Amino acid sequence: MNEPRTVAEWEAYVAALDGEELYEQVKGANSITFVNEIKSRGLNAKEIRAVFESFVRRLVACRELPPAGGYFDLRKIMGELGLKEPASDNAVEK
């Protein structure tokens, strides 16, 4: 897949990630640099939020805890989406 450009393309890209690759992609994406990059490609604030929501949903599906820090508070987004953090004995925190 070429670099995702639309929310649907980002959702498909994120859905294919898991494990360490998912964690590293989320960690790298959760920066002002990345947000400005995808904004410059035409995504608006609502669409950028949707990209991060897809990352959060995938983290939960893979029982991964979001990386701490970054541009967005991913744990807050998780709560806003009504998702629960994976149980600490099952979750993978890096």
PDB file of N, CA and C in Angstrom:
ATOM      1  N   MET A   1       0.837  -1.184   0.000  1.00  0.00           N
ATOM      2  CA  MET A   1       0.000   0.000   0.000  1.00  0.00           C
ATOM      3  C   MET A   1       0.879   1.243   0.000  1.00  0.00           C
ATOM      4  N   ASN A   2       0.515   2.198  -0.831  1.00  0.00           N
ATOM      5  CA  ASN A   2       1.187   3.492  -0.789  1.00  0.00           C
ATOM      6  C   ASN A   2       0.818   4.176   0.516  1.00  0.00           C
ATOM      7  N   GLU A   3       1.447   5.310   0.773  1.00  0.00           N
ATOM      8  CA  GLU A   3       1.130   6.035   1.999  1.00  0.00           C
ATOM      9  C   GLU A   3      -0.356   6.358   2.022  1.00  0.00           C
ATOM     10  N   PRO A   4      -1.022   6.041   3.132  1.00  0.00           N
ATOM     11  CA  PRO A   4      -2.452   6.342   3.229  1.00  0.00           C
ATOM     12  C   PRO A   4      -2.709   7.841   3.115  1.00  0.00           C
ATOM     13  N   ARG A   5      -3.816   8.187   2.462  1.00  0.00           N
ATOM     14  CA  ARG A   5      -4.161   9.600   2.294  1.00  0.00           C
ATOM     15  C   ARG A   5      -5.541   9.931   2.855  1.00  0.00           C
ATOM     16  N   THR A   6      -6.454   8.985   2.817  1.00  0.00           N
ATOM     17  CA  THR A   6      -7.812   9.225   3.305  1.00  0.00           C
ATOM     18  C   THR A   6      -8.002   8.494   4.632  1.00  0.00           C
ATOM     19  N   VAL A   7      -9.073   8.831   5.329  1.00  0.00           N
ATOM     20  CA  VAL A   7      -9.367   8.149   6.588  1.00  0.00           C
ATOM     21  C   VAL A   7      -9.560   6.653   6.328  1.00  0.00           C
ATOM     22  N   ALA A   8     -10.272   6.304   5.281  1.00  0.00           N
ATOM     23  CA  ALA A   8     -10.493   4.883   4.967  1.00  0.00           C
ATOM     24  C   ALA A   8      -9.165   4.161   4.708  1.00  0.00           C
ATOM     25  N   GLU A   9      -8.256   4.802   4.008  1.00  0.00           N
ATOM     26  CA  GLU A   9      -6.944   4.196   3.758  1.00  0.00           C
ATOM     27  C   GLU A   9      -6.160   4.045   5.056  1.00  0.00           C
ATOM     28  N   TRP A  10      -6.246   5.044   5.937  1.00  0.00           N
ATOM     29  CA  TRP A  10      -5.576   4.946   7.239  1.00  0.00           C
ATOM     30  C   TRP A  10      -6.171   3.823   8.066  1.00  0.00           C
ATOM     31  N   GLU A  11      -7.487   3.700   8.056  1.00  0.00           N
ATOM     32  CA  GLU A  11      -8.138   2.639   8.820  1.00  0.00           C
ATOM     33  C   GLU A  11      -7.685   1.264   8.331  1.00  0.00           C
ATOM     34  N   ALA A  12      -7.582   1.091   7.021  1.00  0.00           N
ATOM     35  CA  ALA A  12      -7.119  -0.182   6.466  1.00  0.00           C
ATOM     36  C   ALA A  12      -5.661  -0.444   6.846  1.00  0.00           C
ATOM     37  N   TYR A  13      -4.844   0.588   6.783  1.00  0.00           N
ATOM     38  CA  TYR A  13      -3.432   0.464   7.153  1.00  0.00           C
ATOM     39  C   TYR A  13      -3.287   0.057   8.613  1.00  0.00           C
ATOM     40  N   VAL A  14      -3.997   0.760   9.497  1.00  0.00           N
ATOM     41  CA  VAL A  14      -3.912   0.494  10.932  1.00  0.00           C
ATOM     42  C   VAL A  14      -4.430  -0.905  11.251  1.00  0.00           C
ATOM     43  N   ALA A  15      -5.487  -1.332  10.580  1.00  0.00           N
ATOM     44  CA  ALA A  15      -6.074  -2.652  10.830  1.00  0.00           C
ATOM     45  C   ALA A  15      -5.096  -3.792  10.554  1.00  0.00           C
ATOM     46  N   ALA A  16      -4.100  -3.542   9.735  1.00  0.00           N
ATOM     47  CA  ALA A  16      -3.123  -4.575   9.393  1.00  0.00           C
ATOM     48  C   ALA A  16      -1.936  -4.622  10.362  1.00  0.00           C
ATOM     49  N   LEU A  17      -1.881  -3.686  11.306  1.00  0.00           N
ATOM     50  CA  LEU A  17      -0.767  -3.618  12.248  1.00  0.00           C
ATOM     51  C   LEU A  17      -1.063  -4.419  13.504  1.00  0.00           C
ATOM     52  N   ASP A  18      -0.006  -4.956  14.096  1.00  0.00           N
ATOM     53  CA  ASP A  18      -0.140  -5.564  15.417  1.00  0.00           C
ATOM     54  C   ASP A  18       1.224  -5.647  16.080  1.00  0.00           C
ATOM     55  N   GLY A  19       1.206  -6.007  17.344  1.00  0.00           N
ATOM     56  CA  GLY A  19       2.437  -6.199  18.092  1.00  0.00           C
ATOM     57  C   GLY A  19       3.338  -4.976  18.117  1.00  0.00           C
ATOM     58  N   GLU A  20       4.619  -5.247  18.018  1.00  0.00           N
ATOM     59  CA  GLU A  20       5.635  -4.195  18.089  1.00  0.00           C
ATOM     60  C   GLU A  20       5.475  -3.176  16.968  1.00  0.00           C
ATOM     61  N   GLU A  21       5.103  -3.654  15.786  1.00  0.00           N
ATOM     62  CA  GLU A  21       4.919  -2.731  14.661  1.00  0.00           C
ATOM     63  C   GLU A  21       3.792  -1.738  14.953  1.00  0.00           C
ATOM     64  N   LEU A  22       2.690  -2.218  15.508  1.00  0.00           N
ATOM     65  CA  LEU A  22       1.582  -1.333  15.881  1.00  0.00           C
ATOM     66  C   LEU A  22       2.056  -0.309  16.904  1.00  0.00           C
ATOM     67  N   TYR A  23       2.695  -0.782  17.953  1.00  0.00           N
ATOM     68  CA  TYR A  23       3.154   0.099  19.023  1.00  0.00           C
ATOM     69  C   TYR A  23       4.088   1.183  18.481  1.00  0.00           C
ATOM     70  N   GLU A  24       5.047   0.789  17.665  1.00  0.00           N
ATOM     71  CA  GLU A  24       6.008   1.749  17.122  1.00  0.00           C
ATOM     72  C   GLU A  24       5.349   2.744  16.173  1.00  0.00           C
ATOM     73  N   GLN A  25       4.393   2.287  15.379  1.00  0.00           N
ATOM     74  CA  GLN A  25       3.684   3.199  14.470  1.00  0.00           C
ATOM     75  C   GLN A  25       2.867   4.221  15.261  1.00  0.00           C
ATOM     76  N   VAL A  26       2.185   3.752  16.309  1.00  0.00           N
ATOM     77  CA  VAL A  26       1.398   4.672  17.137  1.00  0.00           C
ATOM     78  C   VAL A  26       2.318   5.679  17.815  1.00  0.00           C
ATOM     79  N   LYS A  27       3.397   5.179  18.369  1.00  0.00           N
ATOM     80  CA  LYS A  27       4.350   6.052  19.057  1.00  0.00           C
ATOM     81  C   LYS A  27       4.902   7.118  18.106  1.00  0.00           C
ATOM     82  N   GLY A  28       5.270   6.725  16.893  1.00  0.00           N
ATOM     83  CA  GLY A  28       5.800   7.666  15.913  1.00  0.00           C
ATOM     84  C   GLY A  28       4.756   8.636  15.388  1.00  0.00           C
ATOM     85  N   ALA A  29       3.526   8.155  15.257  1.00  0.00           N
ATOM     86  CA  ALA A  29       2.463   8.996  14.703  1.00  0.00           C
ATOM     87  C   ALA A  29       1.973  10.037  15.703  1.00  0.00           C
ATOM     88  N   ASN A  30       2.104   9.759  16.971  1.00  0.00           N
ATOM     89  CA  ASN A  30       1.543  10.652  17.987  1.00  0.00           C
ATOM     90  C   ASN A  30       2.486  11.834  18.248  1.00  0.00           C
ATOM     91  N   SER A  31       2.703  12.606  17.178  1.00  0.00           N
ATOM     92  CA  SER A  31       3.599  13.763  17.252  1.00  0.00           C
ATOM     93  C   SER A  31       3.044  14.905  16.408  1.00  0.00           C
ATOM     94  N   ILE A  32       3.450  16.098  16.736  1.00  0.00           N
ATOM     95  CA  ILE A  32       3.017  17.268  15.958  1.00  0.00           C
ATOM     96  C   ILE A  32       3.549  17.181  14.527  1.00  0.00           C
ATOM     97  N   THR A  33       4.715  16.598  14.362  1.00  0.00           N
ATOM     98  CA  THR A  33       5.290  16.451  13.020  1.00  0.00           C
ATOM     99  C   THR A  33       4.383  15.612  12.135  1.00  0.00           C
ATOM    100  N   PHE A  34       3.936  14.468  12.659  1.00  0.00           N
ATOM    101  CA  PHE A  34       3.050  13.590  11.896  1.00  0.00           C
ATOM    102  C   PHE A  34       1.712  14.275  11.629  1.00  0.00           C
ATOM    103  N   VAL A  35       1.149  14.909  12.651  1.00  0.00           N
ATOM    104  CA  VAL A  35      -0.136  15.589  12.482  1.00  0.00           C
ATOM    105  C   VAL A  35      -0.023  16.664  11.402  1.00  0.00           C
ATOM    106  N   ASN A  36       1.033  17.445  11.430  1.00  0.00           N
ATOM    107  CA  ASN A  36       1.219  18.468  10.394  1.00  0.00           C
ATOM    108  C   ASN A  36       1.407  17.840   9.017  1.00  0.00           C
ATOM    109  N   GLU A  37       2.074  16.701   8.966  1.00  0.00           N
ATOM    110  CA  GLU A  37       2.298  16.022   7.683  1.00  0.00           C
ATOM    111  C   GLU A  37       0.976  15.571   7.065  1.00  0.00           C
ATOM    112  N   ILE A  38       0.136  14.900   7.857  1.00  0.00           N
ATOM    113  CA  ILE A  38      -1.118  14.432   7.266  1.00  0.00           C
ATOM    114  C   ILE A  38      -2.103  15.587   7.034  1.00  0.00           C
ATOM    115  N   LYS A  39      -1.952  16.635   7.807  1.00  0.00           N
ATOM    116  CA  LYS A  39      -2.757  17.838   7.564  1.00  0.00           C
ATOM    117  C   LYS A  39      -2.373  18.453   6.222  1.00  0.00           C
ATOM    118  N   SER A  40      -1.078  18.476   5.934  1.00  0.00           N
ATOM    119  CA  SER A  40      -0.612  19.045   4.670  1.00  0.00           C
ATOM    120  C   SER A  40      -1.053  18.208   3.469  1.00  0.00           C
ATOM    121  N   ARG A  41      -1.405  16.942   3.727  1.00  0.00           N
ATOM    122  CA  ARG A  41      -1.909  16.064   2.662  1.00  0.00           C
ATOM    123  C   ARG A  41      -3.418  16.191   2.478  1.00  0.00           C
ATOM    124  N   GLY A  42      -4.035  17.095   3.255  1.00  0.00           N
ATOM    125  CA  GLY A  42      -5.442  17.376   3.037  1.00  0.00           C
ATOM    126  C   GLY A  42      -6.406  16.902   4.102  1.00  0.00           C
ATOM    127  N   LEU A  43      -5.934  16.244   5.155  1.00  0.00           N
ATOM    128  CA  LEU A  43      -6.857  15.814   6.203  1.00  0.00           C
ATOM    129  C   LEU A  43      -7.182  16.989   7.118  1.00  0.00           C
ATOM    130  N   ASN A  44      -8.451  17.103   7.484  1.00  0.00           N
ATOM    131  CA  ASN A  44      -8.855  18.157   8.412  1.00  0.00           C
ATOM    132  C   ASN A  44      -8.801  17.620   9.845  1.00  0.00           C
ATOM    133  N   ALA A  45      -9.112  18.474  10.802  1.00  0.00           N
ATOM    134  CA  ALA A  45      -9.000  18.095  12.217  1.00  0.00           C
ATOM    135  C   ALA A  45      -9.869  16.886  12.561  1.00  0.00           C
ATOM    136  N   LYS A  46     -11.083  16.854  12.052  1.00  0.00           N
ATOM    137  CA  LYS A  46     -11.990  15.732  12.322  1.00  0.00           C
ATOM    138  C   LYS A  46     -11.423  14.430  11.748  1.00  0.00           C
ATOM    139  N   GLU A  47     -10.857  14.505  10.560  1.00  0.00           N
ATOM    140  CA  GLU A  47     -10.283  13.314   9.923  1.00  0.00           C
ATOM    141  C   GLU A  47      -9.022  12.852  10.651  1.00  0.00           C
ATOM    142  N   ILE A  48      -8.220  13.802  11.115  1.00  0.00           N
ATOM    143  CA  ILE A  48      -7.010  13.459  11.874  1.00  0.00           C
ATOM    144  C   ILE A  48      -7.419  12.751  13.164  1.00  0.00           C
ATOM    145  N   ARG A  49      -8.434  13.264  13.810  1.00  0.00           N
ATOM    146  CA  ARG A  49      -8.940  12.612  15.023  1.00  0.00           C
ATOM    147  C   ARG A  49      -9.388  11.181  14.697  1.00  0.00           C
ATOM    148  N   ALA A  50     -10.053  10.985  13.574  1.00  0.00           N
ATOM    149  CA  ALA A  50     -10.514   9.648  13.175  1.00  0.00           C
ATOM    150  C   ALA A  50      -9.337   8.689  12.971  1.00  0.00           C
ATOM    151  N   VAL A  51      -8.234   9.195  12.438  1.00  0.00           N
ATOM    152  CA  VAL A  51      -7.031   8.369  12.269  1.00  0.00           C
ATOM    153  C   VAL A  51      -6.541   7.902  13.634  1.00  0.00           C
ATOM    154  N   PHE A  52      -6.480   8.810  14.585  1.00  0.00           N
ATOM    155  CA  PHE A  52      -6.011   8.438  15.920  1.00  0.00           C
ATOM    156  C   PHE A  52      -7.006   7.533  16.630  1.00  0.00           C
ATOM    157  N   GLU A  53      -8.282   7.716  16.384  1.00  0.00           N
ATOM    158  CA  GLU A  53      -9.271   6.802  16.944  1.00  0.00           C
ATOM    159  C   GLU A  53      -9.070   5.392  16.403  1.00  0.00           C
ATOM    160  N   SER A  54      -8.699   5.276  15.132  1.00  0.00           N
ATOM    161  CA  SER A  54      -8.454   3.940  14.573  1.00  0.00           C
ATOM    162  C   SER A  54      -7.221   3.306  15.222  1.00  0.00           C
ATOM    163  N   PHE A  55      -6.190   4.115  15.495  1.00  0.00           N
ATOM    164  CA  PHE A  55      -5.029   3.590  16.215  1.00  0.00           C
ATOM    165  C   PHE A  55      -5.447   3.084  17.600  1.00  0.00           C
ATOM    166  N   VAL A  56      -6.250   3.862  18.306  1.00  0.00           N
ATOM    167  CA  VAL A  56      -6.677   3.488  19.655  1.00  0.00           C
ATOM    168  C   VAL A  56      -7.510   2.205  19.616  1.00  0.00           C
ATOM    169  N   ARG A  57      -8.439   2.128  18.692  1.00  0.00           N
ATOM    170  CA  ARG A  57      -9.269   0.913  18.581  1.00  0.00           C
ATOM    171  C   ARG A  57      -8.398  -0.319  18.307  1.00  0.00           C
ATOM    172  N   ARG A  58      -7.403  -0.143  17.461  1.00  0.00           N
ATOM    173  CA  ARG A  58      -6.522  -1.276  17.139  1.00  0.00           C
ATOM    174  C   ARG A  58      -5.680  -1.670  18.348  1.00  0.00           C
ATOM    175  N   LEU A  59      -5.191  -0.693  19.091  1.00  0.00           N
ATOM    176  CA  LEU A  59      -4.449  -1.009  20.310  1.00  0.00           C
ATOM    177  C   LEU A  59      -5.300  -1.849  21.255  1.00  0.00           C
ATOM    178  N   VAL A  60      -6.548  -1.440  21.448  1.00  0.00           N
ATOM    179  CA  VAL A  60      -7.447  -2.182  22.342  1.00  0.00           C
ATOM    180  C   VAL A  60      -7.691  -3.587  21.794  1.00  0.00           C
ATOM    181  N   ALA A  61      -7.941  -3.691  20.495  1.00  0.00           N
ATOM    182  CA  ALA A  61      -8.191  -4.996  19.887  1.00  0.00           C
ATOM    183  C   ALA A  61      -6.998  -5.936  20.054  1.00  0.00           C
ATOM    184  N   CYS A  62      -5.808  -5.372  20.053  1.00  0.00           N
ATOM    185  CA  CYS A  62      -4.579  -6.176  20.194  1.00  0.00           C
ATOM    186  C   CYS A  62      -4.130  -6.279  21.655  1.00  0.00           C
ATOM    187  N   ARG A  63      -4.959  -5.754  22.572  1.00  0.00           N
ATOM    188  CA  ARG A  63      -4.657  -5.778  24.005  1.00  0.00           C
ATOM    189  C   ARG A  63      -3.324  -5.113  24.321  1.00  0.00           C
ATOM    190  N   GLU A  64      -3.089  -3.995  23.661  1.00  0.00           N
ATOM    191  CA  GLU A  64      -1.882  -3.194  23.882  1.00  0.00           C
ATOM    192  C   GLU A  64      -2.283  -1.902  24.588  1.00  0.00           C
ATOM    193  N   LEU A  65      -1.471  -1.470  25.525  1.00  0.00           N
ATOM    194  CA  LEU A  65      -1.672  -0.166  26.140  1.00  0.00           C
ATOM    195  C   LEU A  65      -1.057   0.907  25.257  1.00  0.00           C
ATOM    196  N   PRO A  66      -1.680   2.071  25.164  1.00  0.00           N
ATOM    197  CA  PRO A  66      -1.110   3.136  24.341  1.00  0.00           C
ATOM    198  C   PRO A  66       0.208   3.638  24.924  1.00  0.00           C
ATOM    199  N   PRO A  67       1.117   4.063  24.052  1.00  0.00           N
ATOM    200  CA  PRO A  67       2.351   4.671  24.550  1.00  0.00           C
ATOM    201  C   PRO A  67       2.027   5.932  25.351  1.00  0.00           C
ATOM    202  N   ALA A  68       2.788   6.177  26.387  1.00  0.00           N
ATOM    203  CA  ALA A  68       2.603   7.377  27.190  1.00  0.00           C
ATOM    204  C   ALA A  68       3.172   8.580  26.452  1.00  0.00           C
ATOM    205  N   GLY A  69       2.593   9.739  26.726  1.00  0.00           N
ATOM    206  CA  GLY A  69       3.092  10.972  26.134  1.00  0.00           C
ATOM    207  C   GLY A  69       2.644  11.118  24.690  1.00  0.00           C
ATOM    208  N   GLY A  70       3.134  12.138  24.050  1.00  0.00           N
ATOM    209  CA  GLY A  70       2.793  12.378  22.658  1.00  0.00           C
ATOM    210  C   GLY A  70       1.840  13.546  22.496  1.00  0.00           C
ATOM    211  N   TYR A  71       1.504  13.831  21.268  1.00  0.00           N
ATOM    212  CA  TYR A  71       0.662  14.975  20.925  1.00  0.00           C
ATOM    213  C   TYR A  71      -0.759  14.808  21.463  1.00  0.00           C
ATOM    214  N   PHE A  72      -1.326  13.613  21.289  1.00  0.00           N
ATOM    215  CA  PHE A  72      -2.666  13.315  21.792  1.00  0.00           C
ATOM    216  C   PHE A  72      -2.559  12.432  23.027  1.00  0.00           C
ATOM    217  N   ASP A  73      -3.502  12.593  23.948  1.00  0.00           N
ATOM    218  CA  ASP A  73      -3.611  11.700  25.090  1.00  0.00           C
ATOM    219  C   ASP A  73      -4.458  10.512  24.632  1.00  0.00           C
ATOM    220  N   LEU A  74      -3.788   9.446  24.229  1.00  0.00           N
ATOM    221  CA  LEU A  74      -4.490   8.312  23.651  1.00  0.00           C
ATOM    222  C   LEU A  74      -5.371   7.585  24.660  1.00  0.00           C
ATOM    223  N   ARG A  75      -4.991   7.614  25.916  1.00  0.00           N
ATOM    224  CA  ARG A  75      -5.835   6.989  26.946  1.00  0.00           C
ATOM    225  C   ARG A  75      -7.123   7.794  27.140  1.00  0.00           C
ATOM    226  N   LYS A  76      -7.035   9.096  26.986  1.00  0.00           N
ATOM    227  CA  LYS A  76      -8.240   9.935  27.063  1.00  0.00           C
ATOM    228  C   LYS A  76      -9.156   9.629  25.880  1.00  0.00           C
ATOM    229  N   ILE A  77      -8.582   9.506  24.700  1.00  0.00           N
ATOM    230  CA  ILE A  77      -9.384   9.157  23.520  1.00  0.00           C
ATOM    231  C   ILE A  77     -10.048   7.797  23.733  1.00  0.00           C
ATOM    232  N   MET A  78      -9.303   6.860  24.309  1.00  0.00           N
ATOM    233  CA  MET A  78      -9.849   5.540  24.594  1.00  0.00           C
ATOM    234  C   MET A  78     -11.107   5.675  25.466  1.00  0.00           C
ATOM    235  N   GLY A  79     -11.021   6.487  26.504  1.00  0.00           N
ATOM    236  CA  GLY A  79     -12.168   6.703  27.382  1.00  0.00           C
ATOM    237  C   GLY A  79     -13.318   7.388  26.675  1.00  0.00           C
ATOM    238  N   GLU A  80     -13.006   8.378  25.836  1.00  0.00           N
ATOM    239  CA  GLU A  80     -14.047   9.095  25.096  1.00  0.00           C
ATOM    240  C   GLU A  80     -14.783   8.174  24.129  1.00  0.00           C
ATOM    241  N   LEU A  81     -14.089   7.148  23.652  1.00  0.00           N
ATOM    242  CA  LEU A  81     -14.712   6.179  22.750  1.00  0.00           C
ATOM    243  C   LEU A  81     -15.460   5.084  23.515  1.00  0.00           C
ATOM    244  N   GLY A  82     -15.385   5.142  24.839  1.00  0.00           N
ATOM    245  CA  GLY A  82     -16.054   4.131  25.649  1.00  0.00           C
ATOM    246  C   GLY A  82     -15.309   2.811  25.688  1.00  0.00           C
ATOM    247  N   LEU A  83     -14.021   2.852  25.391  1.00  0.00           N
ATOM    248  CA  LEU A  83     -13.200   1.640  25.398  1.00  0.00           C
ATOM    249  C   LEU A  83     -12.461   1.543  26.717  1.00  0.00           C
ATOM    250  N   LYS A  84     -12.229   0.345  27.151  1.00  0.00           N
ATOM    251  CA  LYS A  84     -11.505   0.127  28.389  1.00  0.00           C
ATOM    252  C   LYS A  84     -10.096  -0.334  28.078  1.00  0.00           C
ATOM    253  N   GLU A  85      -9.176   0.096  28.923  1.00  0.00           N
ATOM    254  CA  GLU A  85      -7.804  -0.386  28.794  1.00  0.00           C
ATOM    255  C   GLU A  85      -7.794  -1.880  29.025  1.00  0.00           C
ATOM    256  N   PRO A  86      -6.928  -2.585  28.305  1.00  0.00           N
ATOM    257  CA  PRO A  86      -6.827  -4.029  28.552  1.00  0.00           C
ATOM    258  C   PRO A  86      -6.426  -4.273  30.016  1.00  0.00           C
ATOM    259  N   ALA A  87      -6.914  -5.371  30.575  1.00  0.00           N
ATOM    260  CA  ALA A  87      -6.563  -5.722  31.951  1.00  0.00           C
ATOM    261  C   ALA A  87      -5.055  -5.799  32.069  1.00  0.00           C
ATOM    262  N   SER A  88      -4.525  -5.268  33.155  1.00  0.00           N
ATOM    263  CA  SER A  88      -3.081  -5.160  33.309  1.00  0.00           C
ATOM    264  C   SER A  88      -2.352  -6.497  33.231  1.00  0.00           C
ATOM    265  N   ASP A  89      -3.018  -7.595  33.622  1.00  0.00           N
ATOM    266  CA  ASP A  89      -2.341  -8.886  33.544  1.00  0.00           C
ATOM    267  C   ASP A  89      -2.331  -9.448  32.126  1.00  0.00           C
ATOM    268  N   ASN A  90      -3.144  -8.869  31.236  1.00  0.00           N
ATOM    269  CA  ASN A  90      -3.174  -9.314  29.844  1.00  0.00           C
ATOM    270  C   ASN A  90      -2.547  -8.309  28.887  1.00  0.00           C
ATOM    271  N   ALA A  91      -2.442  -7.071  29.326  1.00  0.00           N
ATOM    272  CA  ALA A  91      -1.994  -6.005  28.441  1.00  0.00           C
ATOM    273  C   ALA A  91      -0.475  -6.026  28.276  1.00  0.00           C
ATOM    274  N   VAL A  92      -0.075  -5.495  27.169  1.00  0.00           N
ATOM    275  CA  VAL A  92       1.342  -5.356  26.874  1.00  0.00           C
ATOM    276  C   VAL A  92       1.683  -3.878  26.940  1.00  0.00           C
ATOM    277  N   GLU A  93       2.522  -3.520  27.905  1.00  0.00           N
ATOM    278  CA  GLU A  93       2.944  -2.122  28.015  1.00  0.00           C
ATOM    279  C   GLU A  93       4.428  -2.084  27.762  1.00  0.00           C
ATOM    280  N   LYS A  94       4.835  -1.158  26.930  1.00  0.00           N
ATOM    281  CA  LYS A  94       6.238  -1.074  26.546  1.00  0.00           C
ATOM    282  C   LYS A  94       6.899   0.083  27.244  1.00  0.00           C
TER     283      LYS A  94
END
